[in-house]
Amino acid sequence: MNLNTILEELRREREQIDEAILSLERLAAGSGPRRGRPPAWLKAQKSNKARPQGAGKEQPATKTAAGD
């Protein structure tokens, strides 16, 4: 390969990388707090991650022991 063609390829790649960086910076700057109710799929994902697998609602044991 010729040195000039290598330099030309590297310059094109640098331009593509710069464009990608600018796009990501715009995305990061524009993602402020959202308003309104979150979508159902997003709420389901958050609620599944917030609680460990075996930690569902616990039934109070005192009701059955002292109830009757």
C-alpha atoms as a PDB file:
ATOM      1  CA  MET A   1       0.000   0.000   0.000  1.00  0.00           C
ATOM      2  CA  ASN A   2       1.009   3.504  -0.658  1.00  0.00           C
ATOM      3  CA  LEU A   3       1.597   5.811   2.288  1.00  0.00           C
ATOM      4  CA  ASN A   4      -0.819   8.381   0.856  1.00  0.00           C
ATOM      5  CA  THR A   5      -3.663   5.855   0.639  1.00  0.00           C
ATOM      6  CA  ILE A   6      -3.048   4.791   4.236  1.00  0.00           C
ATOM      7  CA  LEU A   7      -3.211   8.413   5.365  1.00  0.00           C
ATOM      8  CA  GLU A   8      -6.396   8.952   3.366  1.00  0.00           C
ATOM      9  CA  GLU A   9      -8.060   5.911   4.973  1.00  0.00           C
ATOM     10  CA  LEU A  10      -7.028   7.026   8.441  1.00  0.00           C
ATOM     11  CA  ARG A  11      -8.448  10.505   7.846  1.00  0.00           C
ATOM     12  CA  ARG A  12     -11.768   9.007   6.721  1.00  0.00           C
ATOM     13  CA  GLU A  13     -11.872   6.793   9.802  1.00  0.00           C
ATOM     14  CA  ARG A  14     -11.082   9.778  12.027  1.00  0.00           C
ATOM     15  CA  GLU A  15     -13.997  11.707  10.492  1.00  0.00           C
ATOM     16  CA  GLN A  16     -16.338   8.781  11.153  1.00  0.00           C
ATOM     17  CA  ILE A  17     -15.137   8.503  14.741  1.00  0.00           C
ATOM     18  CA  ASP A  18     -15.593  12.253  15.255  1.00  0.00           C
ATOM     19  CA  GLU A  19     -19.157  12.025  13.924  1.00  0.00           C
ATOM     20  CA  ALA A  20     -19.906   9.110  16.246  1.00  0.00           C
ATOM     21  CA  ILE A  21     -18.506  11.012  19.233  1.00  0.00           C
ATOM     22  CA  LEU A  22     -20.624  14.066  18.400  1.00  0.00           C
ATOM     23  CA  SER A  23     -23.748  11.929  18.105  1.00  0.00           C
ATOM     24  CA  LEU A  24     -23.114  10.298  21.475  1.00  0.00           C
ATOM     25  CA  GLU A  25     -22.435  13.661  23.098  1.00  0.00           C
ATOM     26  CA  ARG A  26     -25.742  15.001  21.756  1.00  0.00           C
ATOM     27  CA  LEU A  27     -27.566  11.963  23.098  1.00  0.00           C
ATOM     28  CA  ALA A  28     -25.974  12.370  26.522  1.00  0.00           C
ATOM     29  CA  ALA A  29     -26.765  16.081  26.676  1.00  0.00           C
ATOM     30  CA  GLY A  30     -30.384  15.646  25.625  1.00  0.00           C
ATOM     31  CA  SER A  31     -31.286  12.918  28.080  1.00  0.00           C
ATOM     32  CA  GLY A  32     -32.642  14.953  30.970  1.00  0.00           C
ATOM     33  CA  PRO A  33     -35.351  13.843  33.357  1.00  0.00           C
ATOM     34  CA  ARG A  34     -38.375  12.560  31.481  1.00  0.00           C
ATOM     35  CA  ARG A  35     -41.848  13.795  32.218  1.00  0.00           C
ATOM     36  CA  GLY A  36     -44.944  11.691  32.520  1.00  0.00           C
ATOM     37  CA  ARG A  37     -45.665   8.073  33.192  1.00  0.00           C
ATOM     38  CA  PRO A  38     -43.018   5.541  32.113  1.00  0.00           C
ATOM     39  CA  PRO A  39     -44.001   2.907  29.551  1.00  0.00           C
ATOM     40  CA  ALA A  40     -45.233  -0.419  30.941  1.00  0.00           C
ATOM     41  CA  TRP A  41     -42.266  -2.358  29.570  1.00  0.00           C
ATOM     42  CA  LEU A  42     -39.817   0.020  31.245  1.00  0.00           C
ATOM     43  CA  LYS A  43     -41.658  -0.137  34.556  1.00  0.00           C
ATOM     44  CA  ALA A  44     -41.663  -3.953  34.427  1.00  0.00           C
ATOM     45  CA  GLN A  45     -37.917  -4.050  33.818  1.00  0.00           C
ATOM     46  CA  LYS A  46     -37.197  -1.722  36.726  1.00  0.00           C
ATOM     47  CA  SER A  47     -39.461  -3.589  39.154  1.00  0.00           C
ATOM     48  CA  ASN A  48     -37.881  -6.949  38.279  1.00  0.00           C
ATOM     49  CA  LYS A  49     -34.383  -5.628  38.890  1.00  0.00           C
ATOM     50  CA  ALA A  50     -35.229  -3.878  42.142  1.00  0.00           C
ATOM     51  CA  ARG A  51     -36.239  -7.022  44.030  1.00  0.00           C
ATOM     52  CA  PRO A  52     -34.202 -10.215  44.468  1.00  0.00           C
ATOM     53  CA  GLN A  53     -35.748 -13.416  43.110  1.00  0.00           C
ATOM     54  CA  GLY A  54     -37.064 -14.949  46.360  1.00  0.00           C
ATOM     55  CA  ALA A  55     -38.117 -11.713  48.035  1.00  0.00           C
ATOM     56  CA  GLY A  56     -41.814 -11.462  47.196  1.00  0.00           C
ATOM     57  CA  LYS A  57     -44.514 -10.194  49.541  1.00  0.00           C
ATOM     58  CA  GLU A  58     -44.184 -11.893  52.889  1.00  0.00           C
ATOM     59  CA  GLN A  59     -47.314 -13.149  54.634  1.00  0.00           C
ATOM     60  CA  PRO A  60     -47.416 -12.247  58.305  1.00  0.00           C
ATOM     61  CA  ALA A  61     -47.137 -15.440  60.360  1.00  0.00           C
ATOM     62  CA  THR A  62     -48.860 -13.884  63.396  1.00  0.00           C
ATOM     63  CA  LYS A  63     -52.305 -13.898  61.755  1.00  0.00           C
ATOM     64  CA  THR A  64     -52.489 -17.663  61.400  1.00  0.00           C
ATOM     65  CA  ALA A  65     -50.931 -18.430  64.784  1.00  0.00           C
ATOM     66  CA  ALA A  66     -53.060 -16.078  66.890  1.00  0.00           C
ATOM     67  CA  GLY A  67     -56.166 -15.850  64.686  1.00  0.00           C
ATOM     68  CA  ASP A  68     -58.499 -18.619  65.961  1.00  0.00           C
END
